[in-house]
Amino acid sequence: MVQQYSPAAEQSPLLAMPPSDVNQIEISPEAEAHFAKMLARSGKSALRLSLKEAGCTGFKYLFSEVDAAEPLDLVKSTPQGLQVYIDSRYWSALAGTRFAMVQQGVNWVLKIDNPNVKESCGCGESFYV
C-alpha cells in the first residue's frame, strides 16, 4: 500500500511533505510520451524514480518500470495519466527536477535538469547533491 500524507507522517524524515509537493518534479509532455512508450513495451503500469549510489561523484538516476509503489513512495500523476512513484528517501535530492526530451541532431534524448546537483562527473554518469 502506498503511504499517503498525514500530519503524523511529518514526524518521519522520509515523508515530511504534503502530496502537492510532488508537483515540484516536472515532466514535459514529450518526456511523458517517452516514458509511456517504455511502459507500454514492458507491460508495466508505472514508472518509479529513485537514486542509486554510483559513479565517481555519488548518485545516478534509477528509473524502474513497476506495477506497484514501494510503501513510502510518493505518487505523481501526470495530466495524460502517467503514474510516477518517487522514492521519498531521496526527495531532497529530487525536488525541483525537470525531465524533458530534447533533440540533439537527429536523435531525441532525455534531459534531466536538477537544481540540487552541486557537482557531476565529466562523463555525466553520476552527480553529487
N, C-alpha and C. Protein backbone atom coordinates (compact mmCIF):
# COMPACT_ATOMS: atom_id res chain seq x y z
N MET A 1 0.84 -1.18 0.00
CA MET A 1 0.00 0.00 0.00
C MET A 1 0.89 1.25 0.00
N VAL A 2 0.50 2.25 -0.76
CA VAL A 2 1.27 3.48 -0.87
C VAL A 2 0.97 4.36 0.34
N GLN A 3 2.01 4.88 0.94
CA GLN A 3 1.87 5.79 2.08
C GLN A 3 1.29 7.11 1.61
N GLN A 4 0.21 7.54 2.19
CA GLN A 4 -0.37 8.83 1.88
C GLN A 4 0.02 9.82 2.97
N TYR A 5 0.03 11.08 2.63
CA TYR A 5 0.41 12.11 3.58
C TYR A 5 -0.60 12.23 4.70
N SER A 6 -0.11 12.39 5.89
CA SER A 6 -0.95 12.73 7.03
C SER A 6 -0.09 13.56 7.97
N PRO A 7 -0.70 14.38 8.84
CA PRO A 7 0.11 15.18 9.76
C PRO A 7 1.06 14.34 10.60
N ALA A 8 0.64 13.14 10.96
CA ALA A 8 1.52 12.27 11.75
C ALA A 8 2.77 11.89 10.96
N ALA A 9 2.64 11.83 9.62
CA ALA A 9 3.78 11.47 8.78
C ALA A 9 4.87 12.52 8.84
N GLU A 10 4.54 13.73 9.27
CA GLU A 10 5.55 14.78 9.35
C GLU A 10 6.65 14.43 10.34
N GLN A 11 6.40 13.46 11.20
CA GLN A 11 7.43 13.02 12.14
C GLN A 11 8.52 12.23 11.43
N SER A 12 8.20 11.67 10.27
CA SER A 12 9.15 10.86 9.52
C SER A 12 9.95 11.73 8.58
N PRO A 13 11.29 11.62 8.58
CA PRO A 13 12.09 12.38 7.63
C PRO A 13 11.88 11.90 6.19
N LEU A 14 11.32 10.69 6.02
CA LEU A 14 11.13 10.16 4.68
C LEU A 14 9.90 10.71 3.99
N LEU A 15 8.93 11.18 4.74
CA LEU A 15 7.69 11.64 4.14
C LEU A 15 7.21 12.89 4.87
N ALA A 16 8.01 13.92 4.82
CA ALA A 16 7.71 15.14 5.58
C ALA A 16 7.26 16.27 4.66
N MET A 17 6.46 15.94 3.65
CA MET A 17 5.95 16.98 2.76
C MET A 17 4.54 16.61 2.32
N PRO A 18 3.68 17.61 2.11
CA PRO A 18 2.34 17.31 1.63
C PRO A 18 2.38 16.81 0.19
N PRO A 19 1.36 16.07 -0.26
CA PRO A 19 1.40 15.49 -1.59
C PRO A 19 1.49 16.50 -2.72
N SER A 20 1.07 17.72 -2.52
CA SER A 20 1.17 18.71 -3.59
C SER A 20 2.62 18.99 -3.96
N ASP A 21 3.54 18.69 -3.07
CA ASP A 21 4.96 18.92 -3.36
C ASP A 21 5.48 18.02 -4.47
N VAL A 22 4.82 16.90 -4.77
CA VAL A 22 5.30 16.06 -5.86
C VAL A 22 5.25 16.82 -7.18
N ASN A 23 4.47 17.89 -7.24
CA ASN A 23 4.41 18.69 -8.45
C ASN A 23 5.68 19.51 -8.66
N GLN A 24 6.59 19.49 -7.70
CA GLN A 24 7.89 20.12 -7.89
C GLN A 24 8.72 19.35 -8.91
N ILE A 25 8.36 18.11 -9.17
CA ILE A 25 9.01 17.34 -10.22
C ILE A 25 8.19 17.54 -11.48
N GLU A 26 8.85 18.05 -12.53
CA GLU A 26 8.16 18.36 -13.77
C GLU A 26 8.57 17.38 -14.86
N ILE A 27 7.57 16.94 -15.62
CA ILE A 27 7.80 16.02 -16.73
C ILE A 27 7.16 16.65 -17.96
N SER A 28 7.97 16.97 -18.96
CA SER A 28 7.44 17.60 -20.16
C SER A 28 6.52 16.62 -20.88
N PRO A 29 5.61 17.13 -21.72
CA PRO A 29 4.74 16.23 -22.48
C PRO A 29 5.53 15.23 -23.33
N GLU A 30 6.65 15.65 -23.90
CA GLU A 30 7.48 14.75 -24.71
C GLU A 30 8.12 13.66 -23.85
N ALA A 31 8.59 14.03 -22.66
CA ALA A 31 9.17 13.03 -21.75
C ALA A 31 8.09 12.07 -21.26
N GLU A 32 6.91 12.61 -20.99
CA GLU A 32 5.79 11.77 -20.57
C GLU A 32 5.47 10.74 -21.65
N ALA A 33 5.43 11.17 -22.91
CA ALA A 33 5.17 10.24 -24.02
C ALA A 33 6.27 9.19 -24.11
N HIS A 34 7.52 9.59 -23.91
CA HIS A 34 8.65 8.66 -23.93
C HIS A 34 8.48 7.60 -22.84
N PHE A 35 8.18 8.04 -21.62
CA PHE A 35 8.00 7.09 -20.52
C PHE A 35 6.80 6.18 -20.76
N ALA A 36 5.72 6.72 -21.32
CA ALA A 36 4.53 5.92 -21.61
C ALA A 36 4.86 4.82 -22.63
N LYS A 37 5.69 5.12 -23.63
CA LYS A 37 6.11 4.10 -24.60
C LYS A 37 6.94 3.02 -23.93
N MET A 38 7.83 3.43 -23.01
CA MET A 38 8.63 2.45 -22.27
C MET A 38 7.72 1.49 -21.50
N LEU A 39 6.71 2.05 -20.84
CA LEU A 39 5.80 1.24 -20.04
C LEU A 39 4.96 0.32 -20.93
N ALA A 40 4.53 0.83 -22.08
CA ALA A 40 3.74 0.01 -23.00
C ALA A 40 4.55 -1.20 -23.48
N ARG A 41 5.84 -0.98 -23.77
CA ARG A 41 6.71 -2.08 -24.22
C ARG A 41 6.94 -3.10 -23.11
N SER A 42 7.06 -2.62 -21.88
CA SER A 42 7.35 -3.53 -20.76
C SER A 42 6.11 -4.20 -20.19
N GLY A 43 4.94 -3.62 -20.45
CA GLY A 43 3.72 -4.17 -19.88
C GLY A 43 3.49 -3.74 -18.43
N LYS A 44 4.32 -2.85 -17.92
CA LYS A 44 4.18 -2.36 -16.55
C LYS A 44 3.27 -1.14 -16.52
N SER A 45 2.79 -0.79 -15.34
CA SER A 45 1.79 0.28 -15.25
C SER A 45 2.32 1.62 -14.74
N ALA A 46 3.54 1.66 -14.22
CA ALA A 46 4.04 2.91 -13.64
C ALA A 46 5.56 2.98 -13.73
N LEU A 47 6.04 4.20 -13.59
CA LEU A 47 7.47 4.47 -13.57
C LEU A 47 7.87 4.80 -12.14
N ARG A 48 8.96 4.22 -11.66
CA ARG A 48 9.47 4.55 -10.32
C ARG A 48 10.79 5.29 -10.48
N LEU A 49 10.89 6.41 -9.80
CA LEU A 49 12.08 7.26 -9.85
C LEU A 49 12.79 7.20 -8.51
N SER A 50 14.07 6.85 -8.57
CA SER A 50 14.88 6.78 -7.36
C SER A 50 16.31 7.19 -7.72
N LEU A 51 17.18 7.09 -6.75
CA LEU A 51 18.61 7.32 -6.95
C LEU A 51 19.36 6.09 -6.50
N LYS A 52 20.53 5.90 -7.06
CA LYS A 52 21.39 4.79 -6.69
C LYS A 52 22.80 5.34 -6.49
N GLU A 53 23.46 4.89 -5.44
CA GLU A 53 24.85 5.29 -5.24
C GLU A 53 25.68 4.66 -6.35
N ALA A 54 26.38 5.52 -7.09
CA ALA A 54 27.14 5.02 -8.23
C ALA A 54 28.10 6.08 -8.74
N GLY A 55 29.01 5.64 -9.59
CA GLY A 55 29.90 6.56 -10.26
C GLY A 55 30.93 7.20 -9.35
N CYS A 56 31.60 8.18 -9.89
CA CYS A 56 32.70 8.82 -9.16
C CYS A 56 32.25 9.98 -8.29
N THR A 57 31.02 10.47 -8.49
CA THR A 57 30.60 11.61 -7.68
C THR A 57 29.46 11.32 -6.72
N GLY A 58 28.84 10.16 -6.77
CA GLY A 58 27.87 9.84 -5.74
C GLY A 58 26.61 9.12 -6.15
N PHE A 59 25.78 9.72 -7.02
CA PHE A 59 24.48 9.13 -7.34
C PHE A 59 24.24 9.12 -8.84
N LYS A 60 23.32 8.24 -9.24
CA LYS A 60 22.78 8.28 -10.59
C LYS A 60 21.28 8.04 -10.48
N TYR A 61 20.55 8.47 -11.50
CA TYR A 61 19.11 8.29 -11.53
C TYR A 61 18.80 6.83 -11.80
N LEU A 62 17.76 6.34 -11.17
CA LEU A 62 17.32 4.97 -11.37
C LEU A 62 15.84 5.01 -11.76
N PHE A 63 15.56 4.62 -12.99
CA PHE A 63 14.19 4.54 -13.48
C PHE A 63 13.81 3.06 -13.54
N SER A 64 12.69 2.72 -12.93
CA SER A 64 12.22 1.33 -12.94
C SER A 64 10.80 1.30 -13.46
N GLU A 65 10.50 0.31 -14.26
CA GLU A 65 9.14 0.07 -14.72
C GLU A 65 8.52 -0.90 -13.73
N VAL A 66 7.43 -0.50 -13.08
CA VAL A 66 6.85 -1.28 -11.99
C VAL A 66 5.33 -1.35 -12.11
N ASP A 67 4.74 -2.26 -11.34
CA ASP A 67 3.28 -2.35 -11.25
C ASP A 67 2.75 -1.80 -9.95
N ALA A 68 3.63 -1.64 -8.95
CA ALA A 68 3.17 -1.16 -7.64
C ALA A 68 4.24 -0.29 -7.01
N ALA A 69 3.79 0.63 -6.19
CA ALA A 69 4.70 1.52 -5.47
C ALA A 69 5.31 0.79 -4.27
N GLU A 70 6.46 1.28 -3.84
CA GLU A 70 7.04 0.84 -2.57
C GLU A 70 6.26 1.51 -1.45
N PRO A 71 6.34 0.99 -0.22
CA PRO A 71 5.49 1.51 0.87
C PRO A 71 5.57 3.02 1.12
N LEU A 72 6.72 3.65 1.02
CA LEU A 72 6.81 5.08 1.31
C LEU A 72 6.96 5.95 0.07
N ASP A 73 6.69 5.39 -1.10
CA ASP A 73 6.79 6.18 -2.32
C ASP A 73 5.74 7.28 -2.35
N LEU A 74 6.12 8.39 -2.95
CA LEU A 74 5.19 9.47 -3.23
C LEU A 74 4.61 9.21 -4.62
N VAL A 75 3.39 9.61 -4.86
CA VAL A 75 2.73 9.32 -6.13
C VAL A 75 2.46 10.61 -6.89
N LYS A 76 2.92 10.64 -8.14
CA LYS A 76 2.65 11.78 -9.03
C LYS A 76 1.89 11.23 -10.23
N SER A 77 0.77 11.85 -10.54
CA SER A 77 0.02 11.52 -11.75
C SER A 77 0.13 12.70 -12.70
N THR A 78 0.53 12.41 -13.93
CA THR A 78 0.68 13.48 -14.92
C THR A 78 -0.66 13.74 -15.60
N PRO A 79 -0.78 14.86 -16.32
CA PRO A 79 -2.04 15.19 -16.99
C PRO A 79 -2.54 14.11 -17.96
N GLN A 80 -1.62 13.37 -18.58
CA GLN A 80 -2.01 12.32 -19.52
C GLN A 80 -2.17 10.97 -18.86
N GLY A 81 -2.06 10.92 -17.51
CA GLY A 81 -2.33 9.68 -16.79
C GLY A 81 -1.13 8.81 -16.46
N LEU A 82 0.07 9.30 -16.70
CA LEU A 82 1.26 8.54 -16.33
C LEU A 82 1.39 8.53 -14.81
N GLN A 83 1.57 7.34 -14.25
CA GLN A 83 1.78 7.20 -12.80
C GLN A 83 3.29 7.15 -12.55
N VAL A 84 3.78 8.04 -11.69
CA VAL A 84 5.19 8.07 -11.33
C VAL A 84 5.30 7.92 -9.82
N TYR A 85 6.04 6.91 -9.38
CA TYR A 85 6.29 6.70 -7.97
C TYR A 85 7.68 7.26 -7.67
N ILE A 86 7.76 8.10 -6.66
CA ILE A 86 9.01 8.79 -6.32
C ILE A 86 9.50 8.27 -4.99
N ASP A 87 10.72 7.78 -4.98
CA ASP A 87 11.33 7.26 -3.76
C ASP A 87 11.51 8.40 -2.76
N SER A 88 10.73 8.40 -1.70
CA SER A 88 10.74 9.52 -0.75
C SER A 88 12.07 9.63 0.01
N ARG A 89 12.87 8.57 0.03
CA ARG A 89 14.17 8.64 0.72
C ARG A 89 15.09 9.67 0.07
N TYR A 90 14.85 9.96 -1.21
CA TYR A 90 15.72 10.88 -1.94
C TYR A 90 14.99 12.16 -2.34
N TRP A 91 13.89 12.45 -1.65
CA TRP A 91 13.09 13.62 -2.03
C TRP A 91 13.92 14.89 -2.06
N SER A 92 14.75 15.13 -1.07
CA SER A 92 15.51 16.39 -1.02
C SER A 92 16.46 16.51 -2.21
N ALA A 93 16.89 15.40 -2.77
CA ALA A 93 17.77 15.44 -3.94
C ALA A 93 17.00 15.51 -5.25
N LEU A 94 15.72 15.12 -5.23
CA LEU A 94 14.92 15.08 -6.45
C LEU A 94 13.98 16.27 -6.62
N ALA A 95 13.62 16.93 -5.53
CA ALA A 95 12.66 18.04 -5.59
C ALA A 95 13.14 19.11 -6.57
N GLY A 96 12.27 19.54 -7.43
CA GLY A 96 12.60 20.59 -8.40
C GLY A 96 13.16 20.08 -9.71
N THR A 97 13.34 18.77 -9.84
CA THR A 97 13.92 18.20 -11.06
C THR A 97 12.93 18.28 -12.22
N ARG A 98 13.47 18.60 -13.40
CA ARG A 98 12.67 18.66 -14.61
C ARG A 98 13.20 17.65 -15.63
N PHE A 99 12.27 16.89 -16.21
CA PHE A 99 12.61 15.89 -17.21
C PHE A 99 12.02 16.34 -18.54
N ALA A 100 12.83 16.36 -19.58
CA ALA A 100 12.37 16.78 -20.91
C ALA A 100 13.10 15.98 -21.97
N MET A 101 12.44 15.77 -23.08
CA MET A 101 13.08 15.17 -24.25
C MET A 101 13.53 16.33 -25.13
N VAL A 102 14.80 16.32 -25.52
CA VAL A 102 15.34 17.38 -26.37
C VAL A 102 15.99 16.75 -27.59
N GLN A 103 15.93 17.47 -28.70
CA GLN A 103 16.52 16.97 -29.93
C GLN A 103 17.98 17.39 -30.00
N GLN A 104 18.84 16.41 -30.24
CA GLN A 104 20.26 16.67 -30.45
C GLN A 104 20.62 16.04 -31.79
N GLY A 105 20.74 16.88 -32.80
CA GLY A 105 20.95 16.37 -34.15
C GLY A 105 19.70 15.66 -34.61
N VAL A 106 19.83 14.39 -35.00
CA VAL A 106 18.67 13.63 -35.45
C VAL A 106 18.06 12.79 -34.33
N ASN A 107 18.68 12.82 -33.16
CA ASN A 107 18.22 12.00 -32.03
C ASN A 107 17.48 12.81 -30.98
N TRP A 108 16.61 12.15 -30.25
CA TRP A 108 15.94 12.73 -29.09
C TRP A 108 16.54 12.07 -27.85
N VAL A 109 16.91 12.89 -26.86
CA VAL A 109 17.50 12.36 -25.63
C VAL A 109 16.76 12.93 -24.42
N LEU A 110 16.78 12.17 -23.34
CA LEU A 110 16.16 12.63 -22.09
C LEU A 110 17.13 13.59 -21.40
N LYS A 111 16.66 14.80 -21.14
CA LYS A 111 17.46 15.80 -20.44
C LYS A 111 16.90 15.93 -19.03
N ILE A 112 17.78 15.84 -18.05
CA ILE A 112 17.39 15.96 -16.65
C ILE A 112 18.03 17.21 -16.10
N ASP A 113 17.21 18.13 -15.65
CA ASP A 113 17.68 19.39 -15.07
C ASP A 113 17.32 19.36 -13.59
N ASN A 114 18.33 19.12 -12.76
CA ASN A 114 18.12 19.01 -11.32
C ASN A 114 18.84 20.17 -10.62
N PRO A 115 18.08 21.09 -10.02
CA PRO A 115 18.70 22.25 -9.38
C PRO A 115 19.49 21.91 -8.12
N ASN A 116 19.36 20.68 -7.63
CA ASN A 116 20.05 20.27 -6.41
C ASN A 116 21.47 19.76 -6.66
N VAL A 117 21.80 19.50 -7.91
CA VAL A 117 23.11 18.94 -8.24
C VAL A 117 24.18 20.00 -8.02
N LYS A 118 25.16 19.66 -7.20
CA LYS A 118 26.26 20.57 -6.91
C LYS A 118 27.48 20.27 -7.77
N GLU A 119 27.61 19.02 -8.19
CA GLU A 119 28.78 18.60 -8.96
C GLU A 119 28.41 17.35 -9.73
N SER A 120 28.96 17.20 -10.94
CA SER A 120 28.75 15.97 -11.69
C SER A 120 30.07 15.54 -12.31
N CYS A 121 30.16 14.26 -12.62
CA CYS A 121 31.40 13.77 -13.21
C CYS A 121 31.49 14.21 -14.66
N GLY A 122 32.67 14.12 -15.22
CA GLY A 122 32.90 14.58 -16.58
C GLY A 122 32.09 13.85 -17.63
N CYS A 123 31.82 12.58 -17.41
CA CYS A 123 31.07 11.81 -18.42
C CYS A 123 29.56 11.97 -18.25
N GLY A 124 29.12 12.60 -17.16
CA GLY A 124 27.70 12.81 -16.93
C GLY A 124 26.97 11.63 -16.34
N GLU A 125 27.71 10.59 -15.96
CA GLU A 125 27.10 9.38 -15.42
C GLU A 125 26.58 9.54 -14.00
N SER A 126 27.25 10.34 -13.19
CA SER A 126 26.82 10.47 -11.79
C SER A 126 26.93 11.92 -11.33
N PHE A 127 26.35 12.18 -10.17
CA PHE A 127 26.32 13.54 -9.65
C PHE A 127 26.33 13.53 -8.13
N TYR A 128 26.57 14.71 -7.56
CA TYR A 128 26.61 14.92 -6.12
C TYR A 128 25.61 16.00 -5.77
N VAL A 129 24.86 15.77 -4.68
CA VAL A 129 23.92 16.79 -4.20
C VAL A 129 24.29 17.22 -2.80
